[in-house]
N, C-alpha and C. Protein backbone atom coordinates (compact mmCIF):
# COMPACT_ATOMS: atom_id res chain seq x y z
N MET A 1 -5.11 -8.58 -10.39
CA MET A 1 -4.44 -8.46 -9.12
C MET A 1 -5.26 -9.17 -8.06
N ASN A 2 -4.54 -9.73 -7.11
CA ASN A 2 -5.19 -10.33 -5.96
C ASN A 2 -4.82 -9.53 -4.71
N TYR A 3 -5.62 -9.71 -3.68
CA TYR A 3 -5.31 -9.09 -2.39
C TYR A 3 -5.50 -10.13 -1.30
N HIS A 4 -4.81 -9.93 -0.21
CA HIS A 4 -4.89 -10.86 0.92
C HIS A 4 -5.88 -10.41 1.97
N GLN A 5 -5.84 -9.13 2.29
CA GLN A 5 -6.67 -8.64 3.38
C GLN A 5 -7.06 -7.20 3.11
N TYR A 6 -8.24 -6.86 3.53
CA TYR A 6 -8.69 -5.48 3.50
C TYR A 6 -9.24 -5.14 4.87
N TYR A 7 -8.73 -4.06 5.44
CA TYR A 7 -9.24 -3.55 6.71
C TYR A 7 -9.96 -2.24 6.43
N GLN A 8 -11.25 -2.22 6.62
CA GLN A 8 -12.00 -1.00 6.35
C GLN A 8 -11.74 0.07 7.41
N THR A 9 -11.27 -0.34 8.59
CA THR A 9 -10.91 0.58 9.65
C THR A 9 -9.60 0.11 10.27
N ASP A 10 -8.56 0.92 10.15
CA ASP A 10 -7.21 0.54 10.58
C ASP A 10 -6.54 1.77 11.21
N VAL A 11 -5.88 1.56 12.33
CA VAL A 11 -5.16 2.66 12.99
C VAL A 11 -3.68 2.36 13.14
N ILE A 12 -3.19 1.32 12.48
CA ILE A 12 -1.80 0.90 12.60
C ILE A 12 -0.97 1.32 11.39
N ASN A 13 -1.50 1.18 10.20
CA ASN A 13 -0.75 1.34 8.95
C ASN A 13 -0.89 2.74 8.37
N GLY A 14 -0.31 3.69 9.06
CA GLY A 14 -0.37 5.09 8.64
C GLY A 14 -1.05 5.93 9.71
N PRO A 15 -1.00 7.24 9.53
CA PRO A 15 -1.56 8.13 10.55
C PRO A 15 -3.08 8.18 10.52
N GLY A 16 -3.67 8.29 11.68
CA GLY A 16 -5.12 8.42 11.78
C GLY A 16 -5.83 7.12 11.48
N THR A 17 -7.13 7.22 11.36
CA THR A 17 -7.96 6.07 10.99
C THR A 17 -7.95 5.98 9.47
N ARG A 18 -7.74 4.76 8.95
CA ARG A 18 -7.53 4.57 7.53
C ARG A 18 -8.25 3.31 7.05
N ALA A 19 -8.33 3.16 5.75
CA ALA A 19 -8.66 1.89 5.11
C ALA A 19 -7.32 1.34 4.60
N THR A 20 -7.11 0.03 4.75
CA THR A 20 -5.82 -0.56 4.36
C THR A 20 -6.04 -1.80 3.52
N LEU A 21 -5.35 -1.85 2.38
CA LEU A 21 -5.40 -2.98 1.47
C LEU A 21 -4.03 -3.63 1.41
N PHE A 22 -3.99 -4.94 1.69
CA PHE A 22 -2.77 -5.74 1.56
C PHE A 22 -2.87 -6.56 0.29
N VAL A 23 -2.08 -6.20 -0.71
CA VAL A 23 -2.14 -6.88 -2.01
C VAL A 23 -1.27 -8.14 -2.00
N SER A 24 -1.51 -8.98 -2.97
CA SER A 24 -0.69 -10.19 -3.18
C SER A 24 0.39 -9.89 -4.21
N GLY A 25 1.51 -10.58 -4.08
CA GLY A 25 2.59 -10.47 -5.06
C GLY A 25 3.75 -9.64 -4.56
N CYS A 26 4.90 -10.29 -4.41
CA CYS A 26 6.11 -9.58 -4.01
C CYS A 26 7.32 -10.40 -4.45
N GLU A 27 8.21 -9.77 -5.18
CA GLU A 27 9.40 -10.46 -5.64
C GLU A 27 10.58 -10.28 -4.68
N HIS A 28 10.46 -9.41 -3.69
CA HIS A 28 11.58 -9.14 -2.79
C HIS A 28 11.84 -10.28 -1.81
N GLN A 29 10.76 -10.86 -1.28
CA GLN A 29 10.83 -11.98 -0.35
C GLN A 29 11.87 -11.74 0.74
N CYS A 30 11.71 -10.65 1.45
CA CYS A 30 12.65 -10.24 2.49
C CYS A 30 12.66 -11.24 3.65
N ARG A 31 13.84 -11.58 4.08
CA ARG A 31 13.99 -12.47 5.23
C ARG A 31 13.40 -11.78 6.45
N GLY A 32 12.54 -12.49 7.17
CA GLY A 32 11.90 -11.93 8.35
C GLY A 32 10.61 -11.18 8.07
N CYS A 33 10.17 -11.16 6.83
CA CYS A 33 8.92 -10.49 6.46
C CYS A 33 7.77 -11.06 7.29
N TYR A 34 6.93 -10.19 7.83
CA TYR A 34 5.79 -10.65 8.61
C TYR A 34 4.58 -10.98 7.74
N ASN A 35 4.69 -10.77 6.44
CA ASN A 35 3.57 -11.01 5.53
C ASN A 35 3.97 -11.99 4.41
N GLN A 36 4.67 -13.03 4.73
CA GLN A 36 5.13 -13.98 3.71
C GLN A 36 3.98 -14.60 2.92
N SER A 37 2.82 -14.69 3.52
CA SER A 37 1.68 -15.29 2.83
C SER A 37 1.22 -14.44 1.65
N THR A 38 1.71 -13.21 1.54
CA THR A 38 1.30 -12.33 0.44
C THR A 38 2.26 -12.38 -0.75
N TRP A 39 3.34 -13.12 -0.66
CA TRP A 39 4.35 -13.12 -1.72
C TRP A 39 3.82 -13.65 -3.05
N ASN A 40 3.02 -14.69 -3.01
CA ASN A 40 2.51 -15.33 -4.23
C ASN A 40 1.41 -14.45 -4.83
N ALA A 41 1.62 -14.00 -6.06
CA ALA A 41 0.67 -13.10 -6.71
C ALA A 41 -0.69 -13.75 -6.94
N CYS A 42 -0.74 -15.07 -6.95
CA CYS A 42 -2.00 -15.78 -7.21
C CYS A 42 -2.77 -16.10 -5.93
N SER A 43 -2.20 -15.78 -4.79
CA SER A 43 -2.86 -16.11 -3.52
C SER A 43 -3.87 -15.03 -3.15
N GLY A 44 -4.70 -15.35 -2.20
CA GLY A 44 -5.69 -14.39 -1.72
C GLY A 44 -6.95 -14.37 -2.56
N HIS A 45 -7.52 -13.19 -2.69
CA HIS A 45 -8.81 -12.99 -3.36
C HIS A 45 -8.63 -12.08 -4.56
N GLU A 46 -9.48 -12.26 -5.55
CA GLU A 46 -9.43 -11.39 -6.73
C GLU A 46 -9.85 -9.98 -6.36
N PHE A 47 -9.06 -9.01 -6.79
CA PHE A 47 -9.41 -7.60 -6.60
C PHE A 47 -10.26 -7.18 -7.79
N ASP A 48 -11.56 -7.09 -7.56
CA ASP A 48 -12.48 -6.79 -8.66
C ASP A 48 -13.11 -5.41 -8.47
N GLU A 49 -13.97 -5.06 -9.38
CA GLU A 49 -14.65 -3.76 -9.34
C GLU A 49 -15.45 -3.59 -8.05
N GLN A 50 -16.06 -4.65 -7.58
CA GLN A 50 -16.84 -4.59 -6.34
C GLN A 50 -15.94 -4.23 -5.15
N MET A 51 -14.75 -4.82 -5.09
CA MET A 51 -13.83 -4.51 -4.00
C MET A 51 -13.32 -3.07 -4.11
N GLN A 52 -13.02 -2.65 -5.32
CA GLN A 52 -12.58 -1.27 -5.53
C GLN A 52 -13.67 -0.29 -5.08
N GLN A 53 -14.91 -0.57 -5.41
CA GLN A 53 -16.01 0.29 -5.01
C GLN A 53 -16.19 0.29 -3.50
N ARG A 54 -15.99 -0.84 -2.87
CA ARG A 54 -16.10 -0.92 -1.41
C ARG A 54 -15.09 0.03 -0.74
N ILE A 55 -13.87 0.07 -1.26
CA ILE A 55 -12.85 0.96 -0.70
C ILE A 55 -13.28 2.42 -0.87
N ILE A 56 -13.74 2.78 -2.05
CA ILE A 56 -14.21 4.15 -2.30
C ILE A 56 -15.35 4.49 -1.36
N ASP A 57 -16.31 3.58 -1.22
CA ASP A 57 -17.44 3.83 -0.33
C ASP A 57 -16.99 3.99 1.12
N ASP A 58 -16.08 3.14 1.57
CA ASP A 58 -15.59 3.24 2.94
C ASP A 58 -14.87 4.57 3.17
N LEU A 59 -14.05 4.99 2.22
CA LEU A 59 -13.34 6.26 2.38
C LEU A 59 -14.29 7.45 2.43
N ASN A 60 -15.43 7.33 1.78
CA ASN A 60 -16.41 8.42 1.75
C ASN A 60 -17.49 8.29 2.82
N ASP A 61 -17.44 7.26 3.63
CA ASP A 61 -18.43 7.04 4.68
C ASP A 61 -18.18 8.02 5.83
N ASP A 62 -19.11 8.92 6.07
CA ASP A 62 -18.95 9.94 7.10
C ASP A 62 -19.12 9.40 8.52
N ARG A 63 -19.65 8.20 8.67
CA ARG A 63 -19.85 7.66 10.02
C ARG A 63 -18.52 7.34 10.70
N ILE A 64 -17.50 6.97 9.90
CA ILE A 64 -16.14 6.75 10.40
C ILE A 64 -15.24 7.66 9.58
N LYS A 65 -14.65 8.63 10.23
CA LYS A 65 -13.79 9.59 9.53
C LYS A 65 -12.43 8.95 9.26
N ARG A 66 -12.22 8.53 8.03
CA ARG A 66 -10.94 7.95 7.64
C ARG A 66 -10.08 9.03 7.01
N ARG A 67 -8.82 9.05 7.41
CA ARG A 67 -7.88 10.04 6.86
C ARG A 67 -7.46 9.68 5.44
N GLY A 68 -7.40 8.36 5.16
CA GLY A 68 -6.98 7.97 3.82
C GLY A 68 -6.86 6.47 3.65
N LEU A 69 -6.13 6.10 2.60
CA LEU A 69 -5.94 4.71 2.20
C LEU A 69 -4.47 4.35 2.34
N SER A 70 -4.21 3.18 2.91
CA SER A 70 -2.86 2.62 2.97
C SER A 70 -2.79 1.40 2.06
N LEU A 71 -1.73 1.31 1.27
CA LEU A 71 -1.51 0.21 0.34
C LEU A 71 -0.24 -0.51 0.74
N SER A 72 -0.36 -1.79 1.06
CA SER A 72 0.79 -2.58 1.49
C SER A 72 0.66 -3.96 0.89
N GLY A 73 1.39 -4.90 1.41
CA GLY A 73 1.29 -6.23 0.83
C GLY A 73 2.15 -7.24 1.51
N GLY A 74 2.64 -8.09 0.61
CA GLY A 74 2.98 -8.02 -0.79
C GLY A 74 3.62 -6.68 -1.12
N ASP A 75 3.49 -6.33 -2.37
CA ASP A 75 4.03 -5.05 -2.82
C ASP A 75 3.09 -4.44 -3.85
N PRO A 76 2.50 -3.28 -3.54
CA PRO A 76 1.61 -2.64 -4.49
C PRO A 76 2.28 -2.32 -5.83
N LEU A 77 3.61 -2.15 -5.83
CA LEU A 77 4.32 -1.83 -7.07
C LEU A 77 4.88 -3.06 -7.77
N PHE A 78 4.51 -4.25 -7.30
CA PHE A 78 4.85 -5.49 -8.01
C PHE A 78 4.25 -5.36 -9.42
N PRO A 79 5.03 -5.67 -10.47
CA PRO A 79 4.57 -5.40 -11.83
C PRO A 79 3.16 -5.89 -12.17
N ALA A 80 2.77 -7.06 -11.69
CA ALA A 80 1.44 -7.57 -11.99
C ALA A 80 0.32 -6.78 -11.31
N ASN A 81 0.67 -5.94 -10.33
CA ASN A 81 -0.33 -5.17 -9.59
C ASN A 81 -0.54 -3.76 -10.13
N LEU A 82 0.34 -3.32 -11.00
CA LEU A 82 0.37 -1.90 -11.36
C LEU A 82 -0.90 -1.37 -11.99
N MET A 83 -1.50 -2.10 -12.90
CA MET A 83 -2.72 -1.59 -13.56
C MET A 83 -3.84 -1.38 -12.56
N ALA A 84 -4.06 -2.36 -11.69
CA ALA A 84 -5.15 -2.26 -10.72
C ALA A 84 -4.86 -1.19 -9.68
N ILE A 85 -3.63 -1.10 -9.22
CA ILE A 85 -3.27 -0.07 -8.22
C ILE A 85 -3.38 1.32 -8.83
N LEU A 86 -2.93 1.48 -10.06
CA LEU A 86 -3.04 2.78 -10.73
C LEU A 86 -4.51 3.20 -10.85
N ALA A 87 -5.36 2.29 -11.25
CA ALA A 87 -6.79 2.60 -11.36
C ALA A 87 -7.37 2.98 -10.00
N LEU A 88 -6.98 2.26 -8.96
CA LEU A 88 -7.49 2.54 -7.62
C LEU A 88 -7.05 3.92 -7.13
N VAL A 89 -5.76 4.23 -7.24
CA VAL A 89 -5.30 5.53 -6.73
C VAL A 89 -5.90 6.68 -7.54
N LYS A 90 -6.11 6.48 -8.83
CA LYS A 90 -6.78 7.52 -9.62
C LYS A 90 -8.20 7.76 -9.11
N ARG A 91 -8.92 6.69 -8.81
CA ARG A 91 -10.28 6.83 -8.30
C ARG A 91 -10.30 7.49 -6.93
N VAL A 92 -9.39 7.09 -6.05
CA VAL A 92 -9.35 7.69 -4.72
C VAL A 92 -9.10 9.18 -4.84
N ASN A 93 -8.14 9.57 -5.66
CA ASN A 93 -7.85 10.99 -5.85
C ASN A 93 -9.04 11.75 -6.43
N ALA A 94 -9.76 11.13 -7.34
CA ALA A 94 -10.87 11.81 -8.00
C ALA A 94 -12.15 11.82 -7.17
N GLU A 95 -12.40 10.74 -6.42
CA GLU A 95 -13.70 10.56 -5.78
C GLU A 95 -13.69 10.70 -4.26
N CYS A 96 -12.52 10.85 -3.68
CA CYS A 96 -12.42 10.91 -2.21
C CYS A 96 -11.63 12.15 -1.80
N PRO A 97 -12.22 13.31 -1.96
CA PRO A 97 -11.49 14.56 -1.70
C PRO A 97 -10.98 14.61 -0.26
N GLY A 98 -9.75 15.09 -0.13
CA GLY A 98 -9.16 15.25 1.19
C GLY A 98 -8.53 14.00 1.78
N LYS A 99 -8.61 12.88 1.09
CA LYS A 99 -8.03 11.63 1.60
C LYS A 99 -6.61 11.48 1.06
N ASP A 100 -5.70 11.05 1.94
CA ASP A 100 -4.33 10.82 1.49
C ASP A 100 -4.11 9.34 1.19
N ILE A 101 -3.04 9.05 0.47
CA ILE A 101 -2.69 7.67 0.11
C ILE A 101 -1.25 7.42 0.53
N TRP A 102 -1.06 6.39 1.35
CA TRP A 102 0.27 5.92 1.76
C TRP A 102 0.52 4.60 1.06
N LEU A 103 1.75 4.37 0.63
CA LEU A 103 2.12 3.15 -0.09
C LEU A 103 3.46 2.63 0.44
N TRP A 104 3.49 1.34 0.76
CA TRP A 104 4.72 0.66 1.19
C TRP A 104 5.21 -0.21 0.05
N THR A 105 6.52 -0.12 -0.25
CA THR A 105 7.12 -0.91 -1.33
C THR A 105 8.54 -1.31 -0.97
N GLY A 106 8.95 -2.46 -1.45
CA GLY A 106 10.34 -2.89 -1.29
C GLY A 106 11.27 -2.25 -2.31
N TYR A 107 10.70 -1.68 -3.35
CA TYR A 107 11.50 -0.96 -4.34
C TYR A 107 11.93 0.38 -3.74
N THR A 108 13.04 0.91 -4.21
CA THR A 108 13.42 2.27 -3.81
C THR A 108 12.94 3.24 -4.88
N LEU A 109 12.72 4.47 -4.50
CA LEU A 109 12.27 5.47 -5.47
C LEU A 109 13.23 5.57 -6.65
N ALA A 110 14.52 5.43 -6.38
CA ALA A 110 15.53 5.56 -7.45
C ALA A 110 15.48 4.41 -8.45
N SER A 111 14.86 3.28 -8.06
CA SER A 111 14.86 2.10 -8.93
C SER A 111 13.54 1.87 -9.67
N LEU A 112 12.60 2.79 -9.57
CA LEU A 112 11.27 2.55 -10.14
C LEU A 112 11.27 2.59 -11.66
N SER A 113 10.44 1.73 -12.23
CA SER A 113 10.19 1.77 -13.67
C SER A 113 9.25 2.94 -13.96
N PRO A 114 9.13 3.35 -15.21
CA PRO A 114 8.18 4.42 -15.54
C PRO A 114 6.74 4.08 -15.12
N GLU A 115 6.36 2.81 -15.23
CA GLU A 115 5.01 2.40 -14.85
C GLU A 115 4.81 2.51 -13.34
N GLN A 116 5.82 2.11 -12.57
CA GLN A 116 5.74 2.24 -11.12
C GLN A 116 5.70 3.71 -10.72
N GLN A 117 6.47 4.53 -11.41
CA GLN A 117 6.51 5.96 -11.11
C GLN A 117 5.16 6.62 -11.33
N GLN A 118 4.39 6.13 -12.30
CA GLN A 118 3.05 6.67 -12.54
C GLN A 118 2.19 6.55 -11.29
N VAL A 119 2.30 5.42 -10.61
CA VAL A 119 1.54 5.22 -9.37
C VAL A 119 2.06 6.15 -8.29
N VAL A 120 3.36 6.17 -8.11
CA VAL A 120 3.98 6.99 -7.06
C VAL A 120 3.63 8.47 -7.23
N ASP A 121 3.52 8.92 -8.47
CA ASP A 121 3.17 10.32 -8.73
C ASP A 121 1.79 10.69 -8.20
N LEU A 122 0.96 9.69 -7.90
CA LEU A 122 -0.42 9.94 -7.46
C LEU A 122 -0.65 9.67 -5.98
N VAL A 123 0.39 9.30 -5.24
CA VAL A 123 0.23 9.04 -3.81
C VAL A 123 0.90 10.14 -3.01
N ASN A 124 0.56 10.21 -1.75
CA ASN A 124 1.08 11.27 -0.87
C ASN A 124 2.38 10.88 -0.19
N VAL A 125 2.46 9.62 0.24
CA VAL A 125 3.61 9.16 1.00
C VAL A 125 4.00 7.78 0.52
N VAL A 126 5.32 7.59 0.36
CA VAL A 126 5.86 6.26 0.02
C VAL A 126 6.88 5.88 1.10
N VAL A 127 6.73 4.68 1.61
CA VAL A 127 7.74 4.09 2.47
C VAL A 127 8.44 3.07 1.59
N ASP A 128 9.73 3.32 1.29
CA ASP A 128 10.43 2.47 0.32
C ASP A 128 11.59 1.73 0.95
N GLY A 129 12.01 0.68 0.24
CA GLY A 129 13.15 -0.12 0.64
C GLY A 129 12.73 -1.47 1.20
N LYS A 130 13.55 -2.46 0.92
CA LYS A 130 13.29 -3.80 1.44
C LYS A 130 13.42 -3.82 2.96
N PHE A 131 12.64 -4.69 3.57
CA PHE A 131 12.81 -4.93 5.00
C PHE A 131 14.11 -5.68 5.20
N GLU A 132 14.97 -5.16 6.07
CA GLU A 132 16.25 -5.80 6.39
C GLU A 132 16.19 -6.26 7.84
N GLN A 133 16.13 -7.57 8.02
CA GLN A 133 15.97 -8.12 9.36
C GLN A 133 17.08 -7.65 10.32
N ALA A 134 18.30 -7.52 9.83
CA ALA A 134 19.42 -7.09 10.67
C ALA A 134 19.25 -5.64 11.13
N LEU A 135 18.42 -4.87 10.43
CA LEU A 135 18.20 -3.46 10.77
C LEU A 135 16.81 -3.23 11.36
N ALA A 136 16.12 -4.32 11.70
CA ALA A 136 14.77 -4.21 12.25
C ALA A 136 14.81 -3.49 13.59
N ASP A 137 13.79 -2.65 13.80
CA ASP A 137 13.70 -1.90 15.04
C ASP A 137 12.23 -1.65 15.34
N PRO A 138 11.69 -2.30 16.37
CA PRO A 138 10.26 -2.15 16.66
C PRO A 138 9.86 -0.75 17.12
N SER A 139 10.82 0.10 17.44
CA SER A 139 10.49 1.46 17.86
C SER A 139 10.27 2.40 16.68
N LEU A 140 10.59 1.95 15.47
CA LEU A 140 10.40 2.80 14.29
C LEU A 140 8.91 2.98 14.00
N VAL A 141 8.56 4.15 13.54
CA VAL A 141 7.17 4.45 13.22
C VAL A 141 6.96 4.31 11.71
N PHE A 142 6.00 3.48 11.33
CA PHE A 142 5.57 3.27 9.95
C PHE A 142 6.60 2.56 9.08
N LYS A 143 7.63 1.99 9.65
CA LYS A 143 8.59 1.19 8.88
C LYS A 143 9.18 0.15 9.80
N GLY A 144 9.68 -0.93 9.20
CA GLY A 144 10.17 -2.05 9.99
C GLY A 144 11.65 -2.08 10.23
N SER A 145 12.43 -1.49 9.33
CA SER A 145 13.88 -1.50 9.48
C SER A 145 14.43 -0.11 9.14
N SER A 146 15.59 0.18 9.73
CA SER A 146 16.12 1.55 9.66
C SER A 146 16.57 1.97 8.27
N ASN A 147 16.76 1.04 7.36
CA ASN A 147 17.15 1.40 5.99
C ASN A 147 15.97 1.94 5.18
N GLN A 148 14.77 1.65 5.60
CA GLN A 148 13.60 2.11 4.87
C GLN A 148 13.41 3.62 5.08
N GLN A 149 12.92 4.26 4.04
CA GLN A 149 12.75 5.73 4.08
C GLN A 149 11.28 6.10 3.89
N ILE A 150 10.86 7.14 4.59
CA ILE A 150 9.52 7.67 4.41
C ILE A 150 9.63 8.94 3.58
N HIS A 151 8.97 8.93 2.43
CA HIS A 151 9.03 10.07 1.50
C HIS A 151 7.66 10.75 1.47
N TYR A 152 7.61 11.99 1.92
CA TYR A 152 6.39 12.79 1.86
C TYR A 152 6.41 13.53 0.52
N LEU A 153 5.52 13.12 -0.38
CA LEU A 153 5.59 13.58 -1.76
C LEU A 153 4.61 14.70 -2.10
N ARG A 154 3.42 14.65 -1.54
CA ARG A 154 2.40 15.64 -1.89
C ARG A 154 1.74 16.15 -0.63
């Protein structure tokens, strides 16, 4: 898996102060997407063990109280990303007590494959659905268009 950007301190992508990872790879290619540079799964930087450890360390750093991890992109549930994302969310759950995980995806919960569902079963909140430019509304919180749904799972 590749990633485009990592913000060790973010207050935009989810509630509270968070760490946010923008992965590469998205098959939805929504018209009006603000992250078109993340569509190509081969773009960005390799997500390796060192980067995974950096996220864990940042989440556990007491100097900046982070509420959790946000996963966006691209699409964290893009098939080529699933193994790495699953490993990451398992580690966050095991090694970062009290931290929540938010995940944004263009897939809907009803359309997930069993492999995608494995990841979703380990996160707290999923914002699902493709971005629809005709339904875009800048006043929406944590989503870009009114068709997208926020699912509080755990």
